[in-house]
Amino acid sequence: MPITNPDYSDLNYEEMAKAIGLKPKHMPMLIGSFLDEAAPILETLSVAIASNDYATVKTAAHSIKGSAGNLRFNEIYEMSKELEHAGAASDGSFEYTNYLAAIKQAIATIK
């Protein structure tokens, strides 16, 4: 998947809740948890990318991917999956920094 610039600033909690089988009242807590947990994972990912620590890239990207997928943040999920696969392959030519920046930008739009 190419890098995308998703904007999640206009989330519909009712649609999200229906898609994952929960009540809309639970969505703010789940999204808050996602944002709280994403921050240190993104920092770990940044450090791992800077040091070419592909195993940690794979693990950290997998964590973001899973959480994003659970909440149906599909573009974040797909970009994280690409990072995970590149890390697993120790692909030195992959655009890790650009994907990380796009993921961070997408997460920043979540309210």
PDB file of N, CA and C in Angstrom:
ATOM      1  N   MET A   1       0.844  -1.180   0.000  1.00  0.00           N
ATOM      2  CA  MET A   1       0.000   0.000   0.000  1.00  0.00           C
ATOM      3  C   MET A   1       0.888   1.241   0.000  1.00  0.00           C
ATOM      4  N   PRO A   2       0.555   2.189  -0.809  1.00  0.00           N
ATOM      5  CA  PRO A   2       1.322   3.438  -0.771  1.00  0.00           C
ATOM      6  C   PRO A   2       0.995   4.242   0.483  1.00  0.00           C
ATOM      7  N   ILE A   3       1.838   5.191   0.766  1.00  0.00           N
ATOM      8  CA  ILE A   3       1.601   6.084   1.900  1.00  0.00           C
ATOM      9  C   ILE A   3       0.332   6.886   1.618  1.00  0.00           C
ATOM     10  N   THR A   4      -0.524   6.988   2.622  1.00  0.00           N
ATOM     11  CA  THR A   4      -1.747   7.773   2.484  1.00  0.00           C
ATOM     12  C   THR A   4      -1.774   8.855   3.553  1.00  0.00           C
ATOM     13  N   ASN A   5      -2.692   9.770   3.408  1.00  0.00           N
ATOM     14  CA  ASN A   5      -2.862  10.854   4.379  1.00  0.00           C
ATOM     15  C   ASN A   5      -4.290  10.849   4.910  1.00  0.00           C
ATOM     16  N   PRO A   6      -4.657   9.822   5.652  1.00  0.00           N
ATOM     17  CA  PRO A   6      -6.033   9.754   6.150  1.00  0.00           C
ATOM     18  C   PRO A   6      -6.307  10.827   7.195  1.00  0.00           C
ATOM     19  N   ASP A   7      -7.562  11.199   7.273  1.00  0.00           N
ATOM     20  CA  ASP A   7      -7.997  12.188   8.248  1.00  0.00           C
ATOM     21  C   ASP A   7      -9.139  11.569   9.056  1.00  0.00           C
ATOM     22  N   TYR A   8      -8.869  11.336  10.321  1.00  0.00           N
ATOM     23  CA  TYR A   8      -9.854  10.712  11.198  1.00  0.00           C
ATOM     24  C   TYR A   8     -10.512  11.733  12.128  1.00  0.00           C
ATOM     25  N   SER A   9     -10.473  13.001  11.760  1.00  0.00           N
ATOM     26  CA  SER A   9     -10.994  14.036  12.658  1.00  0.00           C
ATOM     27  C   SER A   9     -12.514  14.042  12.746  1.00  0.00           C
ATOM     28  N   ASP A  10     -13.179  13.374  11.837  1.00  0.00           N
ATOM     29  CA  ASP A  10     -14.640  13.372  11.817  1.00  0.00           C
ATOM     30  C   ASP A  10     -15.170  11.955  12.065  1.00  0.00           C
ATOM     31  N   LEU A  11     -14.745  11.353  13.171  1.00  0.00           N
ATOM     32  CA  LEU A  11     -15.140   9.977  13.477  1.00  0.00           C
ATOM     33  C   LEU A  11     -16.616   9.902  13.830  1.00  0.00           C
ATOM     34  N   ASN A  12     -17.241   8.850  13.378  1.00  0.00           N
ATOM     35  CA  ASN A  12     -18.627   8.575  13.720  1.00  0.00           C
ATOM     36  C   ASN A  12     -18.619   7.398  14.700  1.00  0.00           C
ATOM     37  N   TYR A  13     -18.789   7.699  15.985  1.00  0.00           N
ATOM     38  CA  TYR A  13     -18.711   6.663  17.010  1.00  0.00           C
ATOM     39  C   TYR A  13     -19.763   5.581  16.818  1.00  0.00           C
ATOM     40  N   GLU A  14     -20.927   5.955  16.332  1.00  0.00           N
ATOM     41  CA  GLU A  14     -21.978   4.955  16.137  1.00  0.00           C
ATOM     42  C   GLU A  14     -21.574   3.938  15.073  1.00  0.00           C
ATOM     43  N   GLU A  15     -21.041   4.428  13.950  1.00  0.00           N
ATOM     44  CA  GLU A  15     -20.599   3.517  12.893  1.00  0.00           C
ATOM     45  C   GLU A  15     -19.427   2.664  13.354  1.00  0.00           C
ATOM     46  N   MET A  16     -18.469   3.290  14.054  1.00  0.00           N
ATOM     47  CA  MET A  16     -17.318   2.537  14.558  1.00  0.00           C
ATOM     48  C   MET A  16     -17.772   1.441  15.512  1.00  0.00           C
ATOM     49  N   ALA A  17     -18.641   1.806  16.446  1.00  0.00           N
ATOM     50  CA  ALA A  17     -19.120   0.854  17.443  1.00  0.00           C
ATOM     51  C   ALA A  17     -19.856  -0.305  16.774  1.00  0.00           C
ATOM     52  N   LYS A  18     -20.681   0.012  15.814  1.00  0.00           N
ATOM     53  CA  LYS A  18     -21.423  -1.034  15.102  1.00  0.00           C
ATOM     54  C   LYS A  18     -20.480  -1.987  14.382  1.00  0.00           C
ATOM     55  N   ALA A  19     -19.435  -1.424  13.768  1.00  0.00           N
ATOM     56  CA  ALA A  19     -18.473  -2.234  13.011  1.00  0.00           C
ATOM     57  C   ALA A  19     -17.713  -3.211  13.897  1.00  0.00           C
ATOM     58  N   ILE A  20     -17.496  -2.841  15.156  1.00  0.00           N
ATOM     59  CA  ILE A  20     -16.723  -3.733  16.033  1.00  0.00           C
ATOM     60  C   ILE A  20     -17.580  -4.383  17.113  1.00  0.00           C
ATOM     61  N   GLY A  21     -18.891  -4.167  17.057  1.00  0.00           N
ATOM     62  CA  GLY A  21     -19.809  -4.858  17.951  1.00  0.00           C
ATOM     63  C   GLY A  21     -19.858  -4.308  19.366  1.00  0.00           C
ATOM     64  N   LEU A  22     -19.689  -2.995  19.509  1.00  0.00           N
ATOM     65  CA  LEU A  22     -19.745  -2.373  20.831  1.00  0.00           C
ATOM     66  C   LEU A  22     -20.784  -1.253  20.834  1.00  0.00           C
ATOM     67  N   LYS A  23     -20.977  -0.667  22.006  1.00  0.00           N
ATOM     68  CA  LYS A  23     -21.873   0.475  22.131  1.00  0.00           C
ATOM     69  C   LYS A  23     -21.080   1.762  21.896  1.00  0.00           C
ATOM     70  N   PRO A  24     -21.704   2.760  21.270  1.00  0.00           N
ATOM     71  CA  PRO A  24     -21.007   4.023  20.989  1.00  0.00           C
ATOM     72  C   PRO A  24     -20.403   4.677  22.230  1.00  0.00           C
ATOM     73  N   LYS A  25     -21.006   4.479  23.388  1.00  0.00           N
ATOM     74  CA  LYS A  25     -20.492   5.112  24.605  1.00  0.00           C
ATOM     75  C   LYS A  25     -19.103   4.606  24.982  1.00  0.00           C
ATOM     76  N   HIS A  26     -18.710   3.448  24.464  1.00  0.00           N
ATOM     77  CA  HIS A  26     -17.394   2.876  24.770  1.00  0.00           C
ATOM     78  C   HIS A  26     -16.278   3.420  23.874  1.00  0.00           C
ATOM     79  N   MET A  27     -16.644   4.036  22.775  1.00  0.00           N
ATOM     80  CA  MET A  27     -15.646   4.457  21.795  1.00  0.00           C
ATOM     81  C   MET A  27     -14.670   5.513  22.314  1.00  0.00           C
ATOM     82  N   PRO A  28     -15.113   6.548  23.030  1.00  0.00           N
ATOM     83  CA  PRO A  28     -14.125   7.525  23.513  1.00  0.00           C
ATOM     84  C   PRO A  28     -13.041   6.896  24.392  1.00  0.00           C
ATOM     85  N   MET A  29     -13.421   5.945  25.241  1.00  0.00           N
ATOM     86  CA  MET A  29     -12.444   5.283  26.100  1.00  0.00           C
ATOM     87  C   MET A  29     -11.468   4.447  25.266  1.00  0.00           C
ATOM     88  N   LEU A  30     -11.991   3.703  24.308  1.00  0.00           N
ATOM     89  CA  LEU A  30     -11.127   2.862  23.468  1.00  0.00           C
ATOM     90  C   LEU A  30     -10.182   3.705  22.618  1.00  0.00           C
ATOM     91  N   ILE A  31     -10.692   4.778  22.061  1.00  0.00           N
ATOM     92  CA  ILE A  31      -9.854   5.654  21.250  1.00  0.00           C
ATOM     93  C   ILE A  31      -8.805   6.335  22.124  1.00  0.00           C
ATOM     94  N   GLY A  32      -9.197   6.747  23.322  1.00  0.00           N
ATOM     95  CA  GLY A  32      -8.240   7.336  24.260  1.00  0.00           C
ATOM     96  C   GLY A  32      -7.131   6.357  24.605  1.00  0.00           C
ATOM     97  N   SER A  33      -7.498   5.112  24.843  1.00  0.00           N
ATOM     98  CA  SER A  33      -6.493   4.079  25.138  1.00  0.00           C
ATOM     99  C   SER A  33      -5.559   3.873  23.952  1.00  0.00           C
ATOM    100  N   PHE A  34      -6.132   3.855  22.745  1.00  0.00           N
ATOM    101  CA  PHE A  34      -5.315   3.705  21.546  1.00  0.00           C
ATOM    102  C   PHE A  34      -4.291   4.833  21.454  1.00  0.00           C
ATOM    103  N   LEU A  35      -4.739   6.060  21.670  1.00  0.00           N
ATOM    104  CA  LEU A  35      -3.840   7.210  21.578  1.00  0.00           C
ATOM    105  C   LEU A  35      -2.771   7.176  22.662  1.00  0.00           C
ATOM    106  N   ASP A  36      -3.167   6.807  23.883  1.00  0.00           N
ATOM    107  CA  ASP A  36      -2.202   6.717  24.986  1.00  0.00           C
ATOM    108  C   ASP A  36      -1.148   5.652  24.720  1.00  0.00           C
ATOM    109  N   GLU A  37      -1.576   4.516  24.213  1.00  0.00           N
ATOM    110  CA  GLU A  37      -0.654   3.410  23.966  1.00  0.00           C
ATOM    111  C   GLU A  37       0.193   3.636  22.713  1.00  0.00           C
ATOM    112  N   ALA A  38      -0.339   4.374  21.751  1.00  0.00           N
ATOM    113  CA  ALA A  38       0.388   4.587  20.501  1.00  0.00           C
ATOM    114  C   ALA A  38       1.616   5.462  20.695  1.00  0.00           C
ATOM    115  N   ALA A  39       1.524   6.448  21.573  1.00  0.00           N
ATOM    116  CA  ALA A  39       2.630   7.403  21.733  1.00  0.00           C
ATOM    117  C   ALA A  39       3.972   6.722  22.051  1.00  0.00           C
ATOM    118  N   PRO A  40       4.054   5.889  23.088  1.00  0.00           N
ATOM    119  CA  PRO A  40       5.353   5.257  23.352  1.00  0.00           C
ATOM    120  C   PRO A  40       5.763   4.236  22.285  1.00  0.00           C
ATOM    121  N   ILE A  41       4.798   3.603  21.657  1.00  0.00           N
ATOM    122  CA  ILE A  41       5.122   2.649  20.587  1.00  0.00           C
ATOM    123  C   ILE A  41       5.714   3.391  19.394  1.00  0.00           C
ATOM    124  N   LEU A  42       5.142   4.543  19.066  1.00  0.00           N
ATOM    125  CA  LEU A  42       5.678   5.336  17.959  1.00  0.00           C
ATOM    126  C   LEU A  42       7.087   5.830  18.263  1.00  0.00           C
ATOM    127  N   GLU A  43       7.345   6.168  19.521  1.00  0.00           N
ATOM    128  CA  GLU A  43       8.697   6.589  19.912  1.00  0.00           C
ATOM    129  C   GLU A  43       9.666   5.413  19.761  1.00  0.00           C
ATOM    130  N   THR A  44       9.260   4.243  20.213  1.00  0.00           N
ATOM    131  CA  THR A  44      10.085   3.041  20.056  1.00  0.00           C
ATOM    132  C   THR A  44      10.349   2.779  18.576  1.00  0.00           C
ATOM    133  N   LEU A  45       9.340   2.930  17.779  1.00  0.00           N
ATOM    134  CA  LEU A  45       9.467   2.714  16.344  1.00  0.00           C
ATOM    135  C   LEU A  45      10.444   3.712  15.726  1.00  0.00           C
ATOM    136  N   SER A  46      10.360   4.946  16.154  1.00  0.00           N
ATOM    137  CA  SER A  46      11.267   5.978  15.657  1.00  0.00           C
ATOM    138  C   SER A  46      12.723   5.655  15.973  1.00  0.00           C
ATOM    139  N   VAL A  47      12.984   5.261  17.198  1.00  0.00           N
ATOM    140  CA  VAL A  47      14.344   4.907  17.618  1.00  0.00           C
ATOM    141  C   VAL A  47      14.825   3.674  16.852  1.00  0.00           C
ATOM    142  N   ALA A  48      13.944   2.700  16.701  1.00  0.00           N
ATOM    143  CA  ALA A  48      14.314   1.471  15.987  1.00  0.00           C
ATOM    144  C   ALA A  48      14.651   1.759  14.526  1.00  0.00           C
ATOM    145  N   ILE A  49      13.883   2.636  13.905  1.00  0.00           N
ATOM    146  CA  ILE A  49      14.158   2.997  12.508  1.00  0.00           C
ATOM    147  C   ILE A  49      15.500   3.702  12.402  1.00  0.00           C
ATOM    148  N   ALA A  50      15.755   4.626  13.314  1.00  0.00           N
ATOM    149  CA  ALA A  50      17.013   5.378  13.285  1.00  0.00           C
ATOM    150  C   ALA A  50      18.232   4.472  13.455  1.00  0.00           C
ATOM    151  N   SER A  51      18.057   3.383  14.180  1.00  0.00           N
ATOM    152  CA  SER A  51      19.187   2.486  14.445  1.00  0.00           C
ATOM    153  C   SER A  51      19.154   1.206  13.601  1.00  0.00           C
ATOM    154  N   ASN A  52      18.263   1.166  12.619  1.00  0.00           N
ATOM    155  CA  ASN A  52      18.117  -0.024  11.759  1.00  0.00           C
ATOM    156  C   ASN A  52      17.883  -1.297  12.560  1.00  0.00           C
ATOM    157  N   ASP A  53      17.136  -1.176  13.627  1.00  0.00           N
ATOM    158  CA  ASP A  53      16.770  -2.320  14.465  1.00  0.00           C
ATOM    159  C   ASP A  53      15.485  -2.926  13.899  1.00  0.00           C
ATOM    160  N   TYR A  54      15.651  -3.757  12.898  1.00  0.00           N
ATOM    161  CA  TYR A  54      14.511  -4.280  12.149  1.00  0.00           C
ATOM    162  C   TYR A  54      13.592  -5.153  13.000  1.00  0.00           C
ATOM    163  N   ALA A  55      14.126  -5.882  13.935  1.00  0.00           N
ATOM    164  CA  ALA A  55      13.285  -6.728  14.795  1.00  0.00           C
ATOM    165  C   ALA A  55      12.333  -5.866  15.622  1.00  0.00           C
ATOM    166  N   THR A  56      12.841  -4.768  16.156  1.00  0.00           N
ATOM    167  CA  THR A  56      11.986  -3.873  16.939  1.00  0.00           C
ATOM    168  C   THR A  56      11.007  -3.133  16.039  1.00  0.00           C
ATOM    169  N   VAL A  57      11.419  -2.770  14.833  1.00  0.00           N
ATOM    170  CA  VAL A  57      10.493  -2.162  13.874  1.00  0.00           C
ATOM    171  C   VAL A  57       9.328  -3.111  13.651  1.00  0.00           C
ATOM    172  N   LYS A  58       9.641  -4.361  13.405  1.00  0.00           N
ATOM    173  CA  LYS A  58       8.601  -5.365  13.150  1.00  0.00           C
ATOM    174  C   LYS A  58       7.644  -5.459  14.337  1.00  0.00           C
ATOM    175  N   THR A  59       8.172  -5.560  15.534  1.00  0.00           N
ATOM    176  CA  THR A  59       7.349  -5.726  16.730  1.00  0.00           C
ATOM    177  C   THR A  59       6.494  -4.491  17.017  1.00  0.00           C
ATOM    178  N   ALA A  60       7.097  -3.321  16.945  1.00  0.00           N
ATOM    179  CA  ALA A  60       6.365  -2.089  17.231  1.00  0.00           C
ATOM    180  C   ALA A  60       5.290  -1.829  16.172  1.00  0.00           C
ATOM    181  N   ALA A  61       5.630  -2.046  14.914  1.00  0.00           N
ATOM    182  CA  ALA A  61       4.652  -1.853  13.845  1.00  0.00           C
ATOM    183  C   ALA A  61       3.493  -2.833  13.995  1.00  0.00           C
ATOM    184  N   HIS A  62       3.807  -4.042  14.426  1.00  0.00           N
ATOM    185  CA  HIS A  62       2.759  -5.047  14.664  1.00  0.00           C
ATOM    186  C   HIS A  62       1.791  -4.571  15.751  1.00  0.00           C
ATOM    187  N   SER A  63       2.309  -3.949  16.783  1.00  0.00           N
ATOM    188  CA  SER A  63       1.463  -3.443  17.870  1.00  0.00           C
ATOM    189  C   SER A  63       0.516  -2.357  17.377  1.00  0.00           C
ATOM    190  N   ILE A  64       1.051  -1.408  16.625  1.00  0.00           N
ATOM    191  CA  ILE A  64       0.208  -0.332  16.077  1.00  0.00           C
ATOM    192  C   ILE A  64      -0.820  -0.924  15.116  1.00  0.00           C
ATOM    193  N   LYS A  65      -0.368  -1.843  14.289  1.00  0.00           N
ATOM    194  CA  LYS A  65      -1.246  -2.470  13.303  1.00  0.00           C
ATOM    195  C   LYS A  65      -2.446  -3.129  13.980  1.00  0.00           C
ATOM    196  N   GLY A  66      -2.189  -3.892  15.025  1.00  0.00           N
ATOM    197  CA  GLY A  66      -3.266  -4.603  15.703  1.00  0.00           C
ATOM    198  C   GLY A  66      -4.290  -3.667  16.322  1.00  0.00           C
ATOM    199  N   SER A  67      -3.803  -2.668  17.020  1.00  0.00           N
ATOM    200  CA  SER A  67      -4.711  -1.712  17.655  1.00  0.00           C
ATOM    201  C   SER A  67      -5.497  -0.922  16.625  1.00  0.00           C
ATOM    202  N   ALA A  68      -4.832  -0.475  15.572  1.00  0.00           N
ATOM    203  CA  ALA A  68      -5.507   0.287  14.520  1.00  0.00           C
ATOM    204  C   ALA A  68      -6.548  -0.582  13.816  1.00  0.00           C
ATOM    205  N   GLY A  69      -6.196  -1.815  13.576  1.00  0.00           N
ATOM    206  CA  GLY A  69      -7.141  -2.728  12.927  1.00  0.00           C
ATOM    207  C   GLY A  69      -8.373  -2.976  13.767  1.00  0.00           C
ATOM    208  N   ASN A  70      -8.184  -3.141  15.066  1.00  0.00           N
ATOM    209  CA  ASN A  70      -9.321  -3.365  15.956  1.00  0.00           C
ATOM    210  C   ASN A  70     -10.307  -2.213  15.925  1.00  0.00           C
ATOM    211  N   LEU A  71      -9.797  -0.994  15.757  1.00  0.00           N
ATOM    212  CA  LEU A  71     -10.660   0.189  15.746  1.00  0.00           C
ATOM    213  C   LEU A  71     -11.063   0.609  14.333  1.00  0.00           C
ATOM    214  N   ARG A  72     -10.671  -0.173  13.349  1.00  0.00           N
ATOM    215  CA  ARG A  72     -11.000   0.085  11.952  1.00  0.00           C
ATOM    216  C   ARG A  72     -10.360   1.359  11.402  1.00  0.00           C
ATOM    217  N   PHE A  73      -9.176   1.686  11.918  1.00  0.00           N
ATOM    218  CA  PHE A  73      -8.374   2.750  11.319  1.00  0.00           C
ATOM    219  C   PHE A  73      -7.578   2.079  10.197  1.00  0.00           C
ATOM    220  N   ASN A  74      -8.263   1.813   9.104  1.00  0.00           N
ATOM    221  CA  ASN A  74      -7.740   0.926   8.068  1.00  0.00           C
ATOM    222  C   ASN A  74      -6.456   1.410   7.409  1.00  0.00           C
ATOM    223  N   GLU A  75      -6.341   2.711   7.172  1.00  0.00           N
ATOM    224  CA  GLU A  75      -5.122   3.216   6.523  1.00  0.00           C
ATOM    225  C   GLU A  75      -3.917   3.091   7.458  1.00  0.00           C
ATOM    226  N   ILE A  76      -4.113   3.371   8.741  1.00  0.00           N
ATOM    227  CA  ILE A  76      -3.024   3.187   9.712  1.00  0.00           C
ATOM    228  C   ILE A  76      -2.659   1.713   9.775  1.00  0.00           C
ATOM    229  N   TYR A  77      -3.666   0.863   9.779  1.00  0.00           N
ATOM    230  CA  TYR A  77      -3.441  -0.582   9.786  1.00  0.00           C
ATOM    231  C   TYR A  77      -2.573  -0.987   8.589  1.00  0.00           C
ATOM    232  N   GLU A  78      -2.954  -0.561   7.401  1.00  0.00           N
ATOM    233  CA  GLU A  78      -2.235  -0.976   6.190  1.00  0.00           C
ATOM    234  C   GLU A  78      -0.802  -0.452   6.173  1.00  0.00           C
ATOM    235  N   MET A  79      -0.607   0.807   6.560  1.00  0.00           N
ATOM    236  CA  MET A  79       0.760   1.354   6.561  1.00  0.00           C
ATOM    237  C   MET A  79       1.618   0.651   7.619  1.00  0.00           C
ATOM    238  N   SER A  80       1.024   0.344   8.758  1.00  0.00           N
ATOM    239  CA  SER A  80       1.754  -0.375   9.811  1.00  0.00           C
ATOM    240  C   SER A  80       2.112  -1.782   9.355  1.00  0.00           C
ATOM    241  N   LYS A  81       1.206  -2.392   8.613  1.00  0.00           N
ATOM    242  CA  LYS A  81       1.481  -3.729   8.069  1.00  0.00           C
ATOM    243  C   LYS A  81       2.676  -3.692   7.130  1.00  0.00           C
ATOM    244  N   GLU A  82       2.760  -2.653   6.300  1.00  0.00           N
ATOM    245  CA  GLU A  82       3.904  -2.506   5.401  1.00  0.00           C
ATOM    246  C   GLU A  82       5.207  -2.358   6.195  1.00  0.00           C
ATOM    247  N   LEU A  83       5.159  -1.537   7.251  1.00  0.00           N
ATOM    248  CA  LEU A  83       6.336  -1.380   8.122  1.00  0.00           C
ATOM    249  C   LEU A  83       6.726  -2.714   8.751  1.00  0.00           C
ATOM    250  N   GLU A  84       5.739  -3.423   9.244  1.00  0.00           N
ATOM    251  CA  GLU A  84       6.002  -4.715   9.884  1.00  0.00           C
ATOM    252  C   GLU A  84       6.670  -5.680   8.913  1.00  0.00           C
ATOM    253  N   HIS A  85       6.129  -5.777   7.721  1.00  0.00           N
ATOM    254  CA  HIS A  85       6.688  -6.704   6.727  1.00  0.00           C
ATOM    255  C   HIS A  85       8.095  -6.297   6.308  1.00  0.00           C
ATOM    256  N   ALA A  86       8.317  -4.999   6.147  1.00  0.00           N
ATOM    257  CA  ALA A  86       9.659  -4.525   5.784  1.00  0.00           C
ATOM    258  C   ALA A  86      10.649  -4.819   6.905  1.00  0.00           C
ATOM    259  N   GLY A  87      10.226  -4.615   8.145  1.00  0.00           N
ATOM    260  CA  GLY A  87      11.085  -4.926   9.280  1.00  0.00           C
ATOM    261  C   GLY A  87      11.399  -6.413   9.344  1.00  0.00           C
ATOM    262  N   ALA A  88      10.388  -7.232   9.111  1.00  0.00           N
ATOM    263  CA  ALA A  88      10.589  -8.685   9.132  1.00  0.00           C
ATOM    264  C   ALA A  88      11.577  -9.119   8.061  1.00  0.00           C
ATOM    265  N   ALA A  89      11.583  -8.413   6.934  1.00  0.00           N
ATOM    266  CA  ALA A  89      12.489  -8.749   5.833  1.00  0.00           C
ATOM    267  C   ALA A  89      13.823  -8.017   5.934  1.00  0.00           C
ATOM    268  N   SER A  90      13.998  -7.204   6.987  1.00  0.00           N
ATOM    269  CA  SER A  90      15.204  -6.374   7.132  1.00  0.00           C
ATOM    270  C   SER A  90      15.491  -5.608   5.841  1.00  0.00           C
ATOM    271  N   ASP A  91      14.438  -5.034   5.280  1.00  0.00           N
ATOM    272  CA  ASP A  91      14.522  -4.329   3.997  1.00  0.00           C
ATOM    273  C   ASP A  91      15.128  -2.940   4.192  1.00  0.00           C
ATOM    274  N   GLY A  92      16.395  -2.801   3.886  1.00  0.00           N
ATOM    275  CA  GLY A  92      17.099  -1.539   4.058  1.00  0.00           C
ATOM    276  C   GLY A  92      16.686  -0.453   3.078  1.00  0.00           C
ATOM    277  N   SER A  93      15.954  -0.805   2.031  1.00  0.00           N
ATOM    278  CA  SER A  93      15.544   0.194   1.041  1.00  0.00           C
ATOM    279  C   SER A  93      14.123   0.715   1.276  1.00  0.00           C
ATOM    280  N   PHE A  94      13.449   0.193   2.273  1.00  0.00           N
ATOM    281  CA  PHE A  94      12.068   0.614   2.550  1.00  0.00           C
ATOM    282  C   PHE A  94      12.040   2.037   3.103  1.00  0.00           C
ATOM    283  N   GLU A  95      10.979   2.761   2.834  1.00  0.00           N
ATOM    284  CA  GLU A  95      10.821   4.142   3.275  1.00  0.00           C
ATOM    285  C   GLU A  95      10.250   4.213   4.703  1.00  0.00           C
ATOM    286  N   TYR A  96      10.966   3.671   5.655  1.00  0.00           N
ATOM    287  CA  TYR A  96      10.496   3.601   7.040  1.00  0.00           C
ATOM    288  C   TYR A  96      10.103   4.975   7.592  1.00  0.00           C
ATOM    289  N   THR A  97      10.972   5.947   7.418  1.00  0.00           N
ATOM    290  CA  THR A  97      10.738   7.276   7.989  1.00  0.00           C
ATOM    291  C   THR A  97       9.486   7.910   7.406  1.00  0.00           C
ATOM    292  N   ASN A  98       9.273   7.760   6.117  1.00  0.00           N
ATOM    293  CA  ASN A  98       8.089   8.333   5.480  1.00  0.00           C
ATOM    294  C   ASN A  98       6.809   7.656   5.956  1.00  0.00           C
ATOM    295  N   TYR A  99       6.843   6.345   6.109  1.00  0.00           N
ATOM    296  CA  TYR A  99       5.671   5.631   6.611  1.00  0.00           C
ATOM    297  C   TYR A  99       5.389   6.027   8.059  1.00  0.00           C
ATOM    298  N   LEU A 100       6.424   6.118   8.860  1.00  0.00           N
ATOM    299  CA  LEU A 100       6.233   6.522  10.253  1.00  0.00           C
ATOM    300  C   LEU A 100       5.633   7.921  10.326  1.00  0.00           C
ATOM    301  N   ALA A 101       6.128   8.836   9.525  1.00  0.00           N
ATOM    302  CA  ALA A 101       5.587  10.204   9.516  1.00  0.00           C
ATOM    303  C   ALA A 101       4.115  10.202   9.117  1.00  0.00           C
ATOM    304  N   ALA A 102       3.742   9.402   8.137  1.00  0.00           N
ATOM    305  CA  ALA A 102       2.348   9.325   7.693  1.00  0.00           C
ATOM    306  C   ALA A 102       1.459   8.733   8.789  1.00  0.00           C
ATOM    307  N   ILE A 103       1.955   7.719   9.468  1.00  0.00           N
ATOM    308  CA  ILE A 103       1.196   7.120  10.570  1.00  0.00           C
ATOM    309  C   ILE A 103       1.005   8.126  11.701  1.00  0.00           C
ATOM    310  N   LYS A 104       2.072   8.819  12.044  1.00  0.00           N
ATOM    311  CA  LYS A 104       1.972   9.840  13.094  1.00  0.00           C
ATOM    312  C   LYS A 104       0.985  10.929  12.716  1.00  0.00           C
ATOM    313  N   GLN A 105       1.047  11.359  11.466  1.00  0.00           N
ATOM    314  CA  GLN A 105       0.138  12.404  10.997  1.00  0.00           C
ATOM    315  C   GLN A 105      -1.307  11.913  11.058  1.00  0.00           C
ATOM    316  N   ALA A 106      -1.547  10.686  10.652  1.00  0.00           N
ATOM    317  CA  ALA A 106      -2.896  10.136  10.691  1.00  0.00           C
ATOM    318  C   ALA A 106      -3.403  10.036  12.127  1.00  0.00           C
ATOM    319  N   ILE A 107      -2.562   9.560  13.029  1.00  0.00           N
ATOM    320  CA  ILE A 107      -2.951   9.435  14.433  1.00  0.00           C
ATOM    321  C   ILE A 107      -3.236  10.806  15.026  1.00  0.00           C
ATOM    322  N   ALA A 108      -2.496  11.811  14.604  1.00  0.00           N
ATOM    323  CA  ALA A 108      -2.702  13.172  15.118  1.00  0.00           C
ATOM    324  C   ALA A 108      -4.075  13.720  14.758  1.00  0.00           C
ATOM    325  N   THR A 109      -4.725  13.168  13.732  1.00  0.00           N
ATOM    326  CA  THR A 109      -6.055  13.655  13.349  1.00  0.00           C
ATOM    327  C   THR A 109      -7.165  13.040  14.204  1.00  0.00           C
ATOM    328  N   ILE A 110      -6.845  12.023  14.971  1.00  0.00           N
ATOM    329  CA  ILE A 110      -7.863  11.347  15.787  1.00  0.00           C
ATOM    330  C   ILE A 110      -8.168  12.202  16.998  1.00  0.00           C
ATOM    331  N   LYS A 111      -9.424  12.448  17.205  1.00  0.00           N
ATOM    332  CA  LYS A 111      -9.859  13.287  18.337  1.00  0.00           C
ATOM    333  C   LYS A 111     -10.584  12.452  19.364  1.00  0.00           C
TER     334      LYS A 111
END
